[in-house]
Amino acid sequence: ELSVIDCAGAVLLDTLVRPSGPVPAEAAAIHGITDAMLAGAPTWSEVHDRFCDLVEGRQVVIYNHEFDVRVISQTARRYGLQAPQGFDLVLDPGRIHCAMQAYAEFRGEWSAEKGQYRWQKLSAAAAQQGVTVTNAHRALGDCLMTLGVVRAMASTENAQRV
């Protein structure tokens, strides 16, 4: 499943994407997407150009960007397509931003054993910031929760500067 929203929360893309094989039971249990739901969905090659047009040359914020960038890059290669700029596993730190890492630093919970700030699951970060969790583990729901977490961080940062 793939969703893209803008900074105002307007939906730019929201689609299921038919995979090349069956959905693993463990994955279906998490997001609720079944093979039957995907039967009429477009393939990655059918949504690739639209996705690229939406993200290339823009600031992109992803919660756990390492995972999404890897999956998008691998999927593009599987279909013989060029990964979108910045999604070729060589991240452009000025354009692709990880909301999970930013939130870990914002929350400030240090993990001595890992030597970094402790990451929070998106639903936990949303709950901690009073963001309504709707349709977690579905692409559009996760986009909207990420936007809510980013807005909460920005609001807190702005309030602290005043």
Protein backbone atom coordinates (compact mmCIF):
# COMPACT_ATOMS: atom_id res chain seq x y z
CA GLU A 1 0.00 0.00 0.00
CA LEU A 2 1.29 3.45 -0.85
CA SER A 3 0.10 6.87 0.24
CA VAL A 4 1.52 10.35 -0.19
CA ILE A 5 0.11 13.47 1.44
CA ASP A 6 1.22 17.07 1.38
CA CYS A 7 2.11 19.18 4.42
CA ALA A 8 -1.53 20.26 4.78
CA GLY A 9 -2.69 16.62 4.89
CA ALA A 10 -4.24 16.61 1.41
CA VAL A 11 -4.09 13.15 -0.14
CA LEU A 12 -1.95 13.13 -3.28
CA LEU A 13 -1.79 9.34 -3.73
CA ASP A 14 -3.49 6.52 -1.85
CA THR A 15 -3.51 3.09 -3.46
CA LEU A 16 -3.06 -0.55 -2.82
CA VAL A 17 -0.23 -2.04 -4.88
CA ARG A 18 -0.50 -5.61 -6.14
CA PRO A 19 2.66 -7.50 -5.17
CA SER A 20 4.36 -10.11 -7.33
CA GLY A 21 3.48 -12.85 -4.85
CA PRO A 22 1.02 -13.65 -2.06
CA VAL A 23 0.84 -11.52 1.08
CA PRO A 24 2.58 -13.29 3.99
CA ALA A 25 0.15 -14.16 6.78
CA GLU A 26 2.23 -12.20 9.32
CA ALA A 27 2.01 -9.05 7.20
CA ALA A 28 -1.73 -9.44 6.60
CA ALA A 29 -2.24 -9.81 10.36
CA ILE A 30 -0.55 -6.43 10.92
CA HIS A 31 -2.13 -4.27 8.21
CA GLY A 32 -5.23 -6.28 7.31
CA ILE A 33 -4.54 -6.27 3.57
CA THR A 34 -5.41 -9.58 1.94
CA ASP A 35 -4.64 -11.11 -1.43
CA ALA A 36 -8.32 -10.70 -2.35
CA MET A 37 -8.10 -6.95 -1.67
CA LEU A 38 -5.08 -6.70 -3.96
CA ALA A 39 -6.50 -8.67 -6.88
CA GLY A 40 -7.57 -5.59 -8.84
CA ALA A 41 -4.89 -3.22 -7.54
CA PRO A 42 -2.27 -1.73 -9.86
CA THR A 43 1.26 -3.14 -9.87
CA TRP A 44 4.28 -1.11 -8.83
CA SER A 45 5.16 -0.46 -12.47
CA GLU A 46 1.71 1.14 -12.90
CA VAL A 47 2.10 3.55 -9.94
CA HIS A 48 5.86 4.14 -10.14
CA ASP A 49 5.84 7.19 -12.41
CA ARG A 50 3.09 8.91 -10.41
CA PHE A 51 4.98 8.29 -7.16
CA CYS A 52 8.23 9.60 -8.67
CA ASP A 53 6.48 12.75 -9.93
CA LEU A 54 5.12 13.40 -6.43
CA VAL A 55 8.40 13.00 -4.51
CA GLU A 56 11.25 13.96 -6.81
CA GLY A 57 12.77 17.36 -6.06
CA ARG A 58 10.65 17.80 -2.94
CA GLN A 59 11.28 17.62 0.78
CA VAL A 60 10.05 14.18 1.87
CA VAL A 61 9.30 13.13 5.45
CA ILE A 62 8.95 9.44 6.24
CA TYR A 63 8.50 7.71 9.58
CA ASN A 64 11.26 5.07 9.61
CA HIS A 65 12.61 6.21 6.27
CA GLU A 66 15.29 3.52 6.23
CA PHE A 67 12.62 0.81 5.83
CA ASP A 68 10.51 2.64 3.25
CA VAL A 69 13.47 3.77 1.16
CA ARG A 70 14.81 0.20 1.09
CA VAL A 71 11.44 -1.28 0.06
CA ILE A 72 10.82 1.35 -2.63
CA SER A 73 14.33 0.97 -4.03
CA GLN A 74 14.13 -2.84 -4.06
CA THR A 75 10.69 -2.78 -5.65
CA ALA A 76 11.80 -0.40 -8.39
CA ARG A 77 14.78 -2.63 -9.16
CA ARG A 78 12.55 -5.73 -9.22
CA TYR A 79 10.45 -4.09 -11.94
CA GLY A 80 13.51 -2.80 -13.81
CA LEU A 81 12.67 0.82 -12.99
CA GLN A 82 14.82 3.67 -11.71
CA ALA A 83 14.28 4.42 -8.02
CA PRO A 84 13.04 7.96 -7.40
CA GLN A 85 15.80 10.47 -6.70
CA GLY A 86 16.87 10.04 -3.07
CA PHE A 87 15.33 6.55 -2.90
CA ASP A 88 18.32 4.79 -4.39
CA LEU A 89 19.69 3.87 -0.95
CA VAL A 90 22.04 6.86 -1.12
CA LEU A 91 19.96 9.22 0.96
CA ASP A 92 20.07 12.92 0.31
CA PRO A 93 20.08 14.20 3.90
CA GLY A 94 18.89 17.61 2.76
CA ARG A 95 15.74 16.23 1.11
CA ILE A 96 14.70 12.95 2.72
CA HIS A 97 13.89 13.29 6.41
CA CYS A 98 13.23 10.60 8.99
CA ALA A 99 10.44 11.62 11.34
CA MET A 100 11.19 8.62 13.58
CA GLN A 101 14.76 9.79 14.18
CA ALA A 102 13.63 13.39 14.66
CA TYR A 103 11.01 12.27 17.16
CA ALA A 104 13.54 10.13 19.05
CA GLU A 105 15.77 13.19 19.49
CA PHE A 106 12.76 15.38 20.34
CA ARG A 107 11.59 12.94 23.03
CA GLY A 108 15.14 12.71 24.36
CA GLU A 109 15.03 9.20 25.81
CA TRP A 110 18.65 8.05 25.60
CA SER A 111 19.54 4.39 25.15
CA ALA A 112 23.01 3.88 26.66
CA GLU A 113 23.26 0.36 25.27
CA LYS A 114 22.60 1.53 21.69
CA GLY A 115 24.35 4.88 22.05
CA GLN A 116 21.44 6.78 20.48
CA TYR A 117 18.03 8.15 21.24
CA ARG A 118 15.37 5.48 21.65
CA TRP A 119 13.06 5.13 18.67
CA GLN A 120 9.32 5.07 19.23
CA LYS A 121 6.77 3.19 17.16
CA LEU A 122 4.61 5.58 15.19
CA SER A 123 1.47 4.73 17.15
CA ALA A 124 3.36 5.31 20.43
CA ALA A 125 4.73 8.66 19.23
CA ALA A 126 1.25 9.69 18.12
CA ALA A 127 -0.28 8.71 21.47
CA GLN A 128 2.49 10.52 23.37
CA GLN A 129 1.75 13.71 21.42
CA GLY A 130 -2.04 13.46 21.63
CA VAL A 131 -2.40 12.64 17.93
CA THR A 132 -5.46 10.57 17.15
CA VAL A 133 -4.42 7.13 15.96
CA THR A 134 -6.68 6.09 13.12
CA ASN A 135 -6.12 3.18 10.81
CA ALA A 136 -2.63 2.42 12.13
CA HIS A 137 -0.49 0.23 9.88
CA ARG A 138 -2.34 1.38 6.78
CA ALA A 139 -0.44 3.79 4.56
CA LEU A 140 -2.79 6.77 4.68
CA GLY A 141 -3.37 6.43 8.42
CA ASP A 142 0.38 6.29 9.01
CA CYS A 143 0.96 9.35 6.81
CA LEU A 144 -1.61 11.35 8.74
CA MET A 145 -0.21 10.19 12.10
CA THR A 146 3.30 11.17 10.97
CA LEU A 147 2.04 14.60 9.98
CA GLY A 148 0.38 14.94 13.39
CA VAL A 149 3.60 14.00 15.20
CA VAL A 150 5.65 16.44 13.09
CA ARG A 151 3.13 19.21 13.77
CA ALA A 152 3.22 18.44 17.51
CA MET A 153 7.02 18.66 17.51
CA ALA A 154 6.94 21.93 15.57
CA SER A 155 4.30 23.37 17.88
CA THR A 156 6.32 22.47 20.97
CA GLU A 157 9.55 23.82 19.45
CA ASN A 158 7.83 27.09 18.51
CA ALA A 159 6.27 27.41 21.98
CA GLN A 160 9.67 26.90 23.62
CA ARG A 161 11.18 29.74 21.54
CA VAL A 162 8.59 32.28 22.64
